[in-house]
Amino acid sequence: MAVEDIIKQKLEAEFSPDYLMVENESHKHAGHAGSPGTGESHFKVEISASKLEGLGRVAAHRRVNECLSEELKTTIHALSLTIVAKIEIQNPQ
């Protein structure tokens, strides 16, 4: 399974997000020092979830990092994380 899919699966299971975007940005870091060259090492995540509401920025980031702790130890070299406020979805008419 692709690392991007593992990230999505774990975050969805842990937080049941209202919004989740996971983007593999590894191609932007090809040849970067410390990058394993796997093509699956640098990720951008945006998430909105009620389980993260009310937490400070650092505490919310810690919760996500704890959820992905195994991947951060092994396959993820860099993780850009944005935790967004609850998103109101409007129905276009």
C-alpha atoms as a PDB file:
ATOM      1  CA  MET A   1       0.000   0.000   0.000  1.00  0.00           C
ATOM      2  CA  ALA A   2       1.244   3.487  -0.858  1.00  0.00           C
ATOM      3  CA  VAL A   3       2.352   5.660   2.057  1.00  0.00           C
ATOM      4  CA  GLU A   4      -0.188   8.314   1.038  1.00  0.00           C
ATOM      5  CA  ASP A   5      -2.965   5.731   1.385  1.00  0.00           C
ATOM      6  CA  ILE A   6      -1.660   4.593   4.780  1.00  0.00           C
ATOM      7  CA  ILE A   7      -1.661   8.195   6.001  1.00  0.00           C
ATOM      8  CA  LYS A   8      -5.252   8.704   4.802  1.00  0.00           C
ATOM      9  CA  GLN A   9      -6.419   5.429   6.310  1.00  0.00           C
ATOM     10  CA  LYS A  10      -4.850   6.097   9.722  1.00  0.00           C
ATOM     11  CA  LEU A  11      -6.074   9.704   9.957  1.00  0.00           C
ATOM     12  CA  GLU A  12      -9.593   8.751   8.872  1.00  0.00           C
ATOM     13  CA  ALA A  13      -9.735   5.920  11.429  1.00  0.00           C
ATOM     14  CA  GLU A  14      -8.366   8.046  14.278  1.00  0.00           C
ATOM     15  CA  PHE A  15     -10.097  11.388  13.687  1.00  0.00           C
ATOM     16  CA  SER A  16     -13.112  10.820  11.378  1.00  0.00           C
ATOM     17  CA  PRO A  17     -12.287  14.140   9.701  1.00  0.00           C
ATOM     18  CA  ASP A  18     -14.797  16.470   8.110  1.00  0.00           C
ATOM     19  CA  TYR A  19     -12.063  17.329   5.622  1.00  0.00           C
ATOM     20  CA  LEU A  20      -8.810  15.554   4.792  1.00  0.00           C
ATOM     21  CA  MET A  21      -6.303  16.225   2.047  1.00  0.00           C
ATOM     22  CA  VAL A  22      -3.062  14.254   1.773  1.00  0.00           C
ATOM     23  CA  GLU A  23      -0.641  15.233  -0.973  1.00  0.00           C
ATOM     24  CA  ASN A  24       2.592  13.488  -1.831  1.00  0.00           C
ATOM     25  CA  GLU A  25       5.156  16.264  -2.387  1.00  0.00           C
ATOM     26  CA  SER A  26       8.175  13.973  -2.666  1.00  0.00           C
ATOM     27  CA  HIS A  27       8.780  14.968  -6.292  1.00  0.00           C
ATOM     28  CA  LYS A  28       9.563  18.512  -5.081  1.00  0.00           C
ATOM     29  CA  HIS A  29      12.396  17.160  -2.933  1.00  0.00           C
ATOM     30  CA  ALA A  30      14.161  14.775  -5.295  1.00  0.00           C
ATOM     31  CA  GLY A  31      17.847  14.677  -4.427  1.00  0.00           C
ATOM     32  CA  HIS A  32      17.208  16.518  -1.143  1.00  0.00           C
ATOM     33  CA  ALA A  33      19.685  15.606   1.614  1.00  0.00           C
ATOM     34  CA  GLY A  34      18.126  13.046   3.920  1.00  0.00           C
ATOM     35  CA  SER A  35      15.443  12.062   1.433  1.00  0.00           C
ATOM     36  CA  PRO A  36      15.468   8.300   0.872  1.00  0.00           C
ATOM     37  CA  GLY A  37      14.659   8.686  -2.823  1.00  0.00           C
ATOM     38  CA  THR A  38      11.607   6.431  -2.571  1.00  0.00           C
ATOM     39  CA  GLY A  39       9.174   8.957  -4.029  1.00  0.00           C
ATOM     40  CA  GLU A  40       7.068   8.558  -0.879  1.00  0.00           C
ATOM     41  CA  SER A  41       8.778  10.546   1.842  1.00  0.00           C
ATOM     42  CA  HIS A  42       7.455  14.137   1.832  1.00  0.00           C
ATOM     43  CA  PHE A  43       3.768  14.797   2.497  1.00  0.00           C
ATOM     44  CA  LYS A  44       1.422  17.708   2.972  1.00  0.00           C
ATOM     45  CA  VAL A  45      -1.680  17.110   5.123  1.00  0.00           C
ATOM     46  CA  GLU A  46      -4.659  19.371   5.721  1.00  0.00           C
ATOM     47  CA  ILE A  47      -7.224  18.115   8.203  1.00  0.00           C
ATOM     48  CA  SER A  48     -10.339  19.340   9.951  1.00  0.00           C
ATOM     49  CA  ALA A  49     -11.817  17.107  12.648  1.00  0.00           C
ATOM     50  CA  SER A  50     -13.965  17.654  15.705  1.00  0.00           C
ATOM     51  CA  LYS A  51     -11.521  15.517  17.724  1.00  0.00           C
ATOM     52  CA  LEU A  52      -8.908  18.241  17.163  1.00  0.00           C
ATOM     53  CA  GLU A  53     -11.182  21.197  17.927  1.00  0.00           C
ATOM     54  CA  GLY A  54     -10.314  23.189  21.023  1.00  0.00           C
ATOM     55  CA  LEU A  55      -6.738  21.950  21.092  1.00  0.00           C
ATOM     56  CA  GLY A  56      -3.916  24.417  20.717  1.00  0.00           C
ATOM     57  CA  ARG A  57      -1.812  24.217  17.564  1.00  0.00           C
ATOM     58  CA  VAL A  58       1.002  22.268  19.229  1.00  0.00           C
ATOM     59  CA  ALA A  59      -1.348  19.800  20.943  1.00  0.00           C
ATOM     60  CA  ALA A  60      -3.259  19.163  17.706  1.00  0.00           C
ATOM     61  CA  HIS A  61      -0.011  18.591  15.803  1.00  0.00           C
ATOM     62  CA  ARG A  62       1.131  16.183  18.492  1.00  0.00           C
ATOM     63  CA  ARG A  63      -2.087  14.180  18.174  1.00  0.00           C
ATOM     64  CA  VAL A  64      -1.604  13.802  14.415  1.00  0.00           C
ATOM     65  CA  ASN A  65       2.081  12.962  14.862  1.00  0.00           C
ATOM     66  CA  GLU A  66       1.173  10.304  17.440  1.00  0.00           C
ATOM     67  CA  CYS A  67      -1.283   8.779  14.978  1.00  0.00           C
ATOM     68  CA  LEU A  68       1.447   8.604  12.328  1.00  0.00           C
ATOM     69  CA  SER A  69       4.304   7.795  14.728  1.00  0.00           C
ATOM     70  CA  GLU A  70       5.336   4.540  13.030  1.00  0.00           C
ATOM     71  CA  GLU A  71       5.465   6.151   9.596  1.00  0.00           C
ATOM     72  CA  LEU A  72       7.372   9.163  10.968  1.00  0.00           C
ATOM     73  CA  LYS A  73       9.975   6.730  12.336  1.00  0.00           C
ATOM     74  CA  THR A  74      10.285   4.782   9.102  1.00  0.00           C
ATOM     75  CA  THR A  75       8.921   6.122   5.808  1.00  0.00           C
ATOM     76  CA  ILE A  76       7.962   9.794   6.245  1.00  0.00           C
ATOM     77  CA  HIS A  77      10.939  12.132   6.042  1.00  0.00           C
ATOM     78  CA  ALA A  78       8.925  15.377   6.120  1.00  0.00           C
ATOM     79  CA  LEU A  79       5.317  16.187   7.032  1.00  0.00           C
ATOM     80  CA  SER A  80       3.712  19.574   6.436  1.00  0.00           C
ATOM     81  CA  LEU A  81       0.606  19.756   8.600  1.00  0.00           C
ATOM     82  CA  THR A  82      -2.236  22.258   8.512  1.00  0.00           C
ATOM     83  CA  ILE A  83      -5.115  21.841  10.921  1.00  0.00           C
ATOM     84  CA  VAL A  84      -8.037  23.928   9.747  1.00  0.00           C
ATOM     85  CA  ALA A  85     -11.089  25.099  11.640  1.00  0.00           C
ATOM     86  CA  LYS A  86     -14.358  23.314  11.064  1.00  0.00           C
ATOM     87  CA  ILE A  87     -15.400  23.724   7.479  1.00  0.00           C
ATOM     88  CA  GLU A  88     -18.942  24.704   6.616  1.00  0.00           C
ATOM     89  CA  ILE A  89     -19.941  23.046   3.360  1.00  0.00           C
ATOM     90  CA  GLN A  90     -22.424  25.103   1.417  1.00  0.00           C
ATOM     91  CA  ASN A  91     -24.751  23.555  -1.120  1.00  0.00           C
ATOM     92  CA  PRO A  92     -24.729  25.490  -4.400  1.00  0.00           C
ATOM     93  CA  GLN A  93     -28.209  26.204  -5.700  1.00  0.00           C
END
